[in-house]
Amino acid sequence: MVSVTTVRCAVPSAGHGDILDITKNVAEAVAGSGLESGVATIFVTGSTAGLTTIEYEPGLVHDLTAAFERLYPRAIEYRHHEKWGDDNGHSHVRASMLGPSLAVPFVDASLTLGTWQQIILVDFDTRPRSREYVVQMMGEPDAANRG
């Protein structure tokens, strides 16, 4: 029998491309789900943040930030600015290229990430805030939770 469990999480962000390691929170959600094996889908709410996996270390965080600036610079005009009179057109473009969701399998209530692979949330918006994301797990209950 397949079960579904959903956990809502929030993390403080400085915005402006802040790269946040959310691996521990996602792993805790999976471990506390009562599910043994399945898939965890992580989804960030909002249109100016995205999710992916990287080796979360200062050099790569810097490289990723620099790559986003080269590919989708802040200092050019975006039509989005005309529509809403704001300054975050680049935020929307960057987030859409990264994507709002990520699926990670889990086995024995543990994420199947590689040793040097962490789940990151990248907040591209132009202001600090609390960023919300959802971890929805679908899978087989562990032996203690089987009917």
N, C-alpha and C. Protein backbone atom coordinates (compact mmCIF):
# COMPACT_ATOMS: atom_id res chain seq x y z
N MET A 1 0.84 -1.18 0.00
CA MET A 1 0.00 0.00 0.00
C MET A 1 0.88 1.25 0.00
N VAL A 2 0.61 2.16 -0.89
CA VAL A 2 1.38 3.40 -1.00
C VAL A 2 0.73 4.47 -0.12
N SER A 3 1.56 5.21 0.60
CA SER A 3 1.09 6.32 1.43
C SER A 3 1.76 7.61 0.98
N VAL A 4 1.11 8.72 1.30
CA VAL A 4 1.65 10.04 0.98
C VAL A 4 1.70 10.87 2.26
N THR A 5 2.83 11.52 2.48
CA THR A 5 3.01 12.41 3.62
C THR A 5 3.58 13.72 3.11
N THR A 6 3.06 14.83 3.63
CA THR A 6 3.51 16.15 3.18
C THR A 6 3.98 16.97 4.38
N VAL A 7 5.14 17.61 4.22
CA VAL A 7 5.70 18.47 5.25
C VAL A 7 6.00 19.83 4.62
N ARG A 8 5.56 20.89 5.28
CA ARG A 8 5.86 22.25 4.83
C ARG A 8 7.04 22.77 5.65
N CYS A 9 7.99 23.39 4.97
CA CYS A 9 9.20 23.89 5.62
C CYS A 9 9.42 25.35 5.22
N ALA A 10 10.20 26.06 6.02
CA ALA A 10 10.58 27.43 5.70
C ALA A 10 12.03 27.63 6.10
N VAL A 11 12.71 28.49 5.37
CA VAL A 11 14.11 28.78 5.63
C VAL A 11 14.33 30.28 5.41
N PRO A 12 15.05 30.95 6.33
CA PRO A 12 15.33 32.37 6.10
C PRO A 12 16.33 32.56 4.96
N SER A 13 16.09 33.58 4.14
CA SER A 13 16.96 33.84 2.99
C SER A 13 17.29 35.31 2.89
N ALA A 14 18.49 35.60 2.46
CA ALA A 14 18.92 36.97 2.20
C ALA A 14 18.52 37.43 0.80
N GLY A 15 18.01 36.51 -0.03
CA GLY A 15 17.68 36.86 -1.41
C GLY A 15 18.94 37.10 -2.22
N HIS A 16 18.79 37.73 -3.39
CA HIS A 16 19.93 38.11 -4.24
C HIS A 16 20.83 36.92 -4.59
N GLY A 17 20.21 35.77 -4.86
CA GLY A 17 21.00 34.59 -5.24
C GLY A 17 21.48 33.76 -4.07
N ASP A 18 20.92 33.97 -2.89
CA ASP A 18 21.30 33.20 -1.71
C ASP A 18 21.13 31.71 -1.99
N ILE A 19 22.17 30.94 -1.73
CA ILE A 19 22.15 29.49 -1.97
C ILE A 19 22.12 28.79 -0.61
N LEU A 20 21.02 28.08 -0.37
CA LEU A 20 20.76 27.50 0.94
C LEU A 20 20.74 25.97 0.86
N ASP A 21 21.51 25.33 1.72
CA ASP A 21 21.55 23.87 1.79
C ASP A 21 20.37 23.40 2.64
N ILE A 22 19.40 22.74 2.02
CA ILE A 22 18.22 22.27 2.75
C ILE A 22 18.22 20.75 2.91
N THR A 23 19.35 20.12 2.64
CA THR A 23 19.44 18.66 2.69
C THR A 23 19.02 18.09 4.04
N LYS A 24 19.52 18.67 5.12
CA LYS A 24 19.22 18.16 6.46
C LYS A 24 17.72 18.20 6.74
N ASN A 25 17.06 19.30 6.38
CA ASN A 25 15.62 19.42 6.62
C ASN A 25 14.83 18.39 5.81
N VAL A 26 15.23 18.19 4.56
CA VAL A 26 14.55 17.20 3.72
C VAL A 26 14.78 15.80 4.27
N ALA A 27 16.01 15.50 4.67
CA ALA A 27 16.33 14.18 5.24
C ALA A 27 15.53 13.92 6.51
N GLU A 28 15.37 14.95 7.35
CA GLU A 28 14.58 14.80 8.57
C GLU A 28 13.10 14.56 8.25
N ALA A 29 12.59 15.23 7.22
CA ALA A 29 11.20 15.01 6.81
C ALA A 29 11.01 13.56 6.36
N VAL A 30 11.95 13.05 5.58
CA VAL A 30 11.87 11.66 5.11
C VAL A 30 11.97 10.69 6.29
N ALA A 31 12.94 10.92 7.17
CA ALA A 31 13.14 10.02 8.31
C ALA A 31 11.91 9.99 9.22
N GLY A 32 11.23 11.11 9.35
CA GLY A 32 10.05 11.18 10.21
C GLY A 32 8.74 10.87 9.53
N SER A 33 8.79 10.47 8.28
CA SER A 33 7.56 10.26 7.49
C SER A 33 6.84 8.96 7.79
N GLY A 34 7.53 8.00 8.39
CA GLY A 34 6.94 6.69 8.57
C GLY A 34 6.97 5.84 7.31
N LEU A 35 7.67 6.33 6.30
CA LEU A 35 7.79 5.60 5.04
C LEU A 35 9.18 4.98 4.93
N GLU A 36 9.25 3.80 4.36
CA GLU A 36 10.53 3.09 4.24
C GLU A 36 11.22 3.39 2.92
N SER A 37 10.49 3.31 1.82
CA SER A 37 11.09 3.57 0.52
C SER A 37 10.06 4.25 -0.37
N GLY A 38 10.58 5.12 -1.25
CA GLY A 38 9.70 5.85 -2.15
C GLY A 38 10.42 7.02 -2.78
N VAL A 39 9.68 8.08 -3.04
CA VAL A 39 10.23 9.28 -3.67
C VAL A 39 9.80 10.50 -2.87
N ALA A 40 10.76 11.38 -2.61
CA ALA A 40 10.48 12.67 -2.00
C ALA A 40 10.52 13.72 -3.11
N THR A 41 9.44 14.46 -3.24
CA THR A 41 9.41 15.58 -4.18
C THR A 41 9.50 16.84 -3.36
N ILE A 42 10.48 17.68 -3.68
CA ILE A 42 10.66 18.96 -3.01
C ILE A 42 10.21 20.03 -3.98
N PHE A 43 9.35 20.95 -3.51
CA PHE A 43 8.79 21.99 -4.37
C PHE A 43 8.87 23.32 -3.64
N VAL A 44 9.54 24.31 -4.26
CA VAL A 44 9.62 25.64 -3.66
C VAL A 44 8.45 26.47 -4.17
N THR A 45 7.75 27.12 -3.24
CA THR A 45 6.62 27.96 -3.63
C THR A 45 7.14 29.33 -4.06
N GLY A 46 6.53 29.91 -5.06
CA GLY A 46 6.97 31.20 -5.57
C GLY A 46 7.69 31.04 -6.89
N SER A 47 7.80 32.14 -7.62
CA SER A 47 8.37 32.09 -8.98
C SER A 47 9.75 32.71 -9.09
N THR A 48 10.41 32.99 -7.96
CA THR A 48 11.75 33.58 -8.01
C THR A 48 12.78 32.76 -7.23
N ALA A 49 12.51 31.47 -7.06
CA ALA A 49 13.46 30.57 -6.41
C ALA A 49 13.44 29.24 -7.15
N GLY A 50 14.51 28.48 -7.00
CA GLY A 50 14.60 27.18 -7.66
C GLY A 50 15.35 26.18 -6.80
N LEU A 51 15.35 24.94 -7.25
CA LEU A 51 15.99 23.84 -6.53
C LEU A 51 16.89 23.04 -7.47
N THR A 52 17.98 22.53 -6.91
CA THR A 52 18.84 21.59 -7.63
C THR A 52 19.73 20.90 -6.62
N THR A 53 20.67 20.09 -7.09
CA THR A 53 21.68 19.50 -6.21
C THR A 53 23.06 19.94 -6.68
N ILE A 54 23.94 20.13 -5.73
CA ILE A 54 25.35 20.43 -6.01
C ILE A 54 26.20 19.85 -4.89
N GLU A 55 27.50 19.92 -5.06
CA GLU A 55 28.41 19.72 -3.93
C GLU A 55 28.45 21.07 -3.24
N TYR A 56 27.86 21.15 -2.06
CA TYR A 56 27.72 22.44 -1.36
C TYR A 56 29.04 22.78 -0.66
N GLU A 57 29.87 23.52 -1.35
CA GLU A 57 31.15 23.99 -0.80
C GLU A 57 31.38 25.39 -1.34
N PRO A 58 32.14 26.23 -0.61
CA PRO A 58 32.25 27.65 -0.97
C PRO A 58 32.69 27.93 -2.40
N GLY A 59 33.62 27.14 -2.93
CA GLY A 59 34.09 27.38 -4.30
C GLY A 59 32.99 27.19 -5.32
N LEU A 60 32.23 26.10 -5.18
CA LEU A 60 31.16 25.84 -6.14
C LEU A 60 29.99 26.80 -5.95
N VAL A 61 29.71 27.19 -4.71
CA VAL A 61 28.67 28.20 -4.47
C VAL A 61 29.04 29.48 -5.20
N HIS A 62 30.29 29.89 -5.10
CA HIS A 62 30.77 31.08 -5.81
C HIS A 62 30.65 30.90 -7.33
N ASP A 63 31.10 29.75 -7.82
CA ASP A 63 31.05 29.48 -9.27
C ASP A 63 29.62 29.49 -9.80
N LEU A 64 28.69 28.90 -9.05
CA LEU A 64 27.30 28.87 -9.49
C LEU A 64 26.71 30.28 -9.52
N THR A 65 27.00 31.06 -8.49
CA THR A 65 26.54 32.45 -8.45
C THR A 65 27.08 33.23 -9.64
N ALA A 66 28.35 33.07 -9.94
CA ALA A 66 28.97 33.77 -11.07
C ALA A 66 28.37 33.30 -12.40
N ALA A 67 28.08 32.02 -12.52
CA ALA A 67 27.49 31.49 -13.76
C ALA A 67 26.10 32.09 -14.00
N PHE A 68 25.29 32.19 -12.96
CA PHE A 68 23.97 32.81 -13.12
C PHE A 68 24.10 34.26 -13.57
N GLU A 69 25.07 34.97 -13.04
CA GLU A 69 25.25 36.38 -13.44
C GLU A 69 25.71 36.48 -14.89
N ARG A 70 26.60 35.58 -15.33
CA ARG A 70 27.04 35.60 -16.73
C ARG A 70 25.89 35.28 -17.68
N LEU A 71 25.09 34.28 -17.32
CA LEU A 71 24.03 33.81 -18.21
C LEU A 71 22.79 34.71 -18.18
N TYR A 72 22.44 35.21 -17.01
CA TYR A 72 21.21 36.00 -16.84
C TYR A 72 21.53 37.23 -15.98
N PRO A 73 22.21 38.22 -16.57
CA PRO A 73 22.70 39.37 -15.80
C PRO A 73 21.58 40.20 -15.18
N ARG A 74 21.89 40.78 -14.02
CA ARG A 74 20.94 41.68 -13.35
C ARG A 74 20.81 42.99 -14.10
N ALA A 75 21.91 43.45 -14.67
CA ALA A 75 22.00 44.83 -15.17
C ALA A 75 21.51 45.02 -16.60
N ILE A 76 20.63 44.16 -17.08
CA ILE A 76 20.03 44.40 -18.39
C ILE A 76 18.53 44.60 -18.19
N GLU A 77 17.88 45.13 -19.20
CA GLU A 77 16.44 45.38 -19.10
C GLU A 77 15.66 44.09 -19.34
N TYR A 78 14.67 43.88 -18.52
CA TYR A 78 13.74 42.77 -18.66
C TYR A 78 12.34 43.37 -18.83
N ARG A 79 11.58 42.84 -19.74
CA ARG A 79 10.22 43.35 -19.97
C ARG A 79 9.35 43.22 -18.73
N HIS A 80 9.68 42.27 -17.90
CA HIS A 80 8.94 42.10 -16.64
C HIS A 80 8.98 43.39 -15.82
N HIS A 81 10.07 44.12 -15.89
CA HIS A 81 10.19 45.39 -15.15
C HIS A 81 9.12 46.38 -15.60
N GLU A 82 8.85 46.40 -16.90
CA GLU A 82 7.84 47.32 -17.45
C GLU A 82 6.45 46.96 -16.94
N LYS A 83 6.16 45.68 -16.88
CA LYS A 83 4.82 45.21 -16.48
C LYS A 83 4.50 45.58 -15.03
N TRP A 84 5.44 45.35 -14.14
CA TRP A 84 5.16 45.52 -12.72
C TRP A 84 5.93 46.66 -12.07
N GLY A 85 6.84 47.30 -12.79
CA GLY A 85 7.61 48.39 -12.20
C GLY A 85 8.55 47.93 -11.10
N ASP A 86 9.00 46.69 -11.18
CA ASP A 86 9.93 46.19 -10.17
C ASP A 86 11.29 45.88 -10.78
N ASP A 87 12.15 45.24 -10.01
CA ASP A 87 13.54 45.05 -10.44
C ASP A 87 13.96 43.58 -10.44
N ASN A 88 13.00 42.67 -10.53
CA ASN A 88 13.38 41.26 -10.37
C ASN A 88 13.13 40.39 -11.61
N GLY A 89 13.19 40.99 -12.78
CA GLY A 89 13.04 40.20 -14.00
C GLY A 89 14.07 39.09 -14.09
N HIS A 90 15.32 39.42 -13.74
CA HIS A 90 16.37 38.40 -13.76
C HIS A 90 16.07 37.27 -12.78
N SER A 91 15.42 37.59 -11.67
CA SER A 91 15.07 36.58 -10.67
C SER A 91 14.12 35.55 -11.25
N HIS A 92 13.12 36.02 -11.98
CA HIS A 92 12.15 35.10 -12.59
C HIS A 92 12.81 34.24 -13.67
N VAL A 93 13.66 34.85 -14.49
CA VAL A 93 14.33 34.10 -15.56
C VAL A 93 15.25 33.04 -14.96
N ARG A 94 16.05 33.41 -13.98
CA ARG A 94 16.96 32.45 -13.35
C ARG A 94 16.20 31.29 -12.72
N ALA A 95 15.14 31.61 -11.99
CA ALA A 95 14.35 30.57 -11.32
C ALA A 95 13.71 29.62 -12.33
N SER A 96 13.24 30.18 -13.45
CA SER A 96 12.59 29.32 -14.44
C SER A 96 13.60 28.38 -15.11
N MET A 97 14.84 28.79 -15.22
CA MET A 97 15.87 27.93 -15.80
C MET A 97 16.27 26.81 -14.83
N LEU A 98 16.22 27.09 -13.53
CA LEU A 98 16.58 26.07 -12.54
C LEU A 98 15.41 25.12 -12.29
N GLY A 99 14.22 25.66 -12.16
CA GLY A 99 13.02 24.86 -11.92
C GLY A 99 12.62 24.85 -10.46
N PRO A 100 11.31 24.66 -10.19
CA PRO A 100 10.81 24.76 -8.82
C PRO A 100 10.76 23.44 -8.05
N SER A 101 11.11 22.32 -8.69
CA SER A 101 10.96 21.05 -7.98
C SER A 101 12.10 20.09 -8.28
N LEU A 102 12.19 19.10 -7.40
CA LEU A 102 13.25 18.10 -7.48
C LEU A 102 12.69 16.81 -6.88
N ALA A 103 12.94 15.69 -7.51
CA ALA A 103 12.52 14.39 -6.98
C ALA A 103 13.76 13.60 -6.58
N VAL A 104 13.74 13.09 -5.33
CA VAL A 104 14.86 12.31 -4.82
C VAL A 104 14.31 11.00 -4.23
N PRO A 105 14.76 9.86 -4.73
CA PRO A 105 14.32 8.59 -4.15
C PRO A 105 14.88 8.43 -2.73
N PHE A 106 14.19 7.63 -1.93
CA PHE A 106 14.72 7.26 -0.62
C PHE A 106 14.52 5.77 -0.38
N VAL A 107 15.46 5.17 0.35
CA VAL A 107 15.44 3.75 0.69
C VAL A 107 15.80 3.65 2.16
N ASP A 108 15.11 2.80 2.89
CA ASP A 108 15.32 2.67 4.34
C ASP A 108 15.21 4.03 5.02
N ALA A 109 14.27 4.83 4.58
CA ALA A 109 13.98 6.17 5.13
C ALA A 109 15.17 7.13 5.03
N SER A 110 16.08 6.87 4.07
CA SER A 110 17.23 7.74 3.85
C SER A 110 17.29 8.16 2.38
N LEU A 111 17.60 9.43 2.15
CA LEU A 111 17.75 9.93 0.78
C LEU A 111 18.87 9.19 0.07
N THR A 112 18.74 8.97 -1.21
CA THR A 112 19.75 8.25 -1.98
C THR A 112 20.72 9.21 -2.66
N LEU A 113 21.07 10.29 -1.99
CA LEU A 113 22.02 11.26 -2.53
C LEU A 113 23.43 10.70 -2.50
N GLY A 114 24.27 11.18 -3.42
CA GLY A 114 25.68 10.83 -3.40
C GLY A 114 26.40 11.52 -2.25
N THR A 115 27.60 11.06 -1.96
CA THR A 115 28.39 11.61 -0.85
C THR A 115 28.56 13.11 -0.94
N TRP A 116 28.80 13.62 -2.13
CA TRP A 116 29.08 15.05 -2.32
C TRP A 116 27.89 15.76 -2.97
N GLN A 117 26.70 15.30 -2.68
CA GLN A 117 25.49 15.85 -3.32
C GLN A 117 24.53 16.36 -2.26
N GLN A 118 24.30 17.66 -2.28
CA GLN A 118 23.35 18.27 -1.36
C GLN A 118 22.22 18.94 -2.14
N ILE A 119 21.07 19.04 -1.50
CA ILE A 119 19.90 19.71 -2.08
C ILE A 119 19.98 21.18 -1.72
N ILE A 120 19.90 22.04 -2.74
CA ILE A 120 19.96 23.48 -2.47
C ILE A 120 18.70 24.18 -2.99
N LEU A 121 18.34 25.21 -2.25
CA LEU A 121 17.30 26.15 -2.66
C LEU A 121 18.04 27.44 -3.00
N VAL A 122 17.81 27.98 -4.18
CA VAL A 122 18.45 29.23 -4.59
C VAL A 122 17.36 30.30 -4.67
N ASP A 123 17.51 31.33 -3.84
CA ASP A 123 16.54 32.44 -3.81
C ASP A 123 17.09 33.58 -4.65
N PHE A 124 16.50 33.78 -5.81
CA PHE A 124 16.98 34.80 -6.74
C PHE A 124 16.33 36.16 -6.54
N ASP A 125 15.32 36.26 -5.69
CA ASP A 125 14.60 37.53 -5.58
C ASP A 125 15.49 38.62 -4.99
N THR A 126 15.00 39.85 -5.03
CA THR A 126 15.82 41.01 -4.69
C THR A 126 15.57 41.52 -3.28
N ARG A 127 15.07 40.65 -2.42
CA ARG A 127 14.84 41.05 -1.03
C ARG A 127 14.93 39.83 -0.11
N PRO A 128 15.30 40.08 1.14
CA PRO A 128 15.31 38.98 2.10
C PRO A 128 13.88 38.56 2.46
N ARG A 129 13.72 37.31 2.83
CA ARG A 129 12.41 36.81 3.26
C ARG A 129 12.55 35.37 3.75
N SER A 130 11.47 34.85 4.25
CA SER A 130 11.40 33.43 4.59
C SER A 130 10.92 32.70 3.34
N ARG A 131 11.66 31.71 2.89
CA ARG A 131 11.30 30.95 1.70
C ARG A 131 10.63 29.65 2.13
N GLU A 132 9.48 29.38 1.56
CA GLU A 132 8.74 28.17 1.89
C GLU A 132 8.93 27.12 0.81
N TYR A 133 9.01 25.88 1.25
CA TYR A 133 9.05 24.76 0.31
C TYR A 133 8.28 23.59 0.92
N VAL A 134 7.86 22.69 0.06
CA VAL A 134 7.07 21.54 0.47
C VAL A 134 7.87 20.28 0.16
N VAL A 135 7.87 19.35 1.11
CA VAL A 135 8.46 18.03 0.88
C VAL A 135 7.30 17.04 0.91
N GLN A 136 7.00 16.45 -0.23
CA GLN A 136 5.93 15.46 -0.29
C GLN A 136 6.54 14.10 -0.61
N MET A 137 6.29 13.16 0.30
CA MET A 137 6.87 11.83 0.17
C MET A 137 5.78 10.82 -0.17
N MET A 138 6.07 10.02 -1.16
CA MET A 138 5.14 8.96 -1.56
C MET A 138 5.93 7.65 -1.53
N GLY A 139 5.39 6.67 -0.82
CA GLY A 139 6.11 5.41 -0.76
C GLY A 139 5.44 4.38 0.13
N GLU A 140 6.19 3.33 0.38
CA GLU A 140 5.74 2.21 1.19
C GLU A 140 5.99 2.51 2.67
N PRO A 141 4.98 2.30 3.52
CA PRO A 141 5.19 2.51 4.95
C PRO A 141 6.23 1.53 5.49
N ASP A 142 6.94 1.96 6.57
CA ASP A 142 7.88 1.03 7.20
C ASP A 142 7.07 -0.03 7.95
N ALA A 143 7.73 -1.09 8.37
CA ALA A 143 7.06 -2.24 8.97
C ALA A 143 6.18 -1.84 10.16
N ALA A 144 6.60 -0.89 10.96
CA ALA A 144 5.84 -0.46 12.13
C ALA A 144 4.55 0.27 11.75
N ASN A 145 4.48 0.80 10.53
CA ASN A 145 3.31 1.58 10.11
C ASN A 145 2.43 0.84 9.10
N ARG A 146 2.73 -0.42 8.86
CA ARG A 146 1.90 -1.18 7.91
C ARG A 146 0.63 -1.67 8.61
N GLY A 147 -0.48 -1.63 7.85
CA GLY A 147 -1.78 -2.03 8.40
C GLY A 147 -1.90 -3.47 8.51
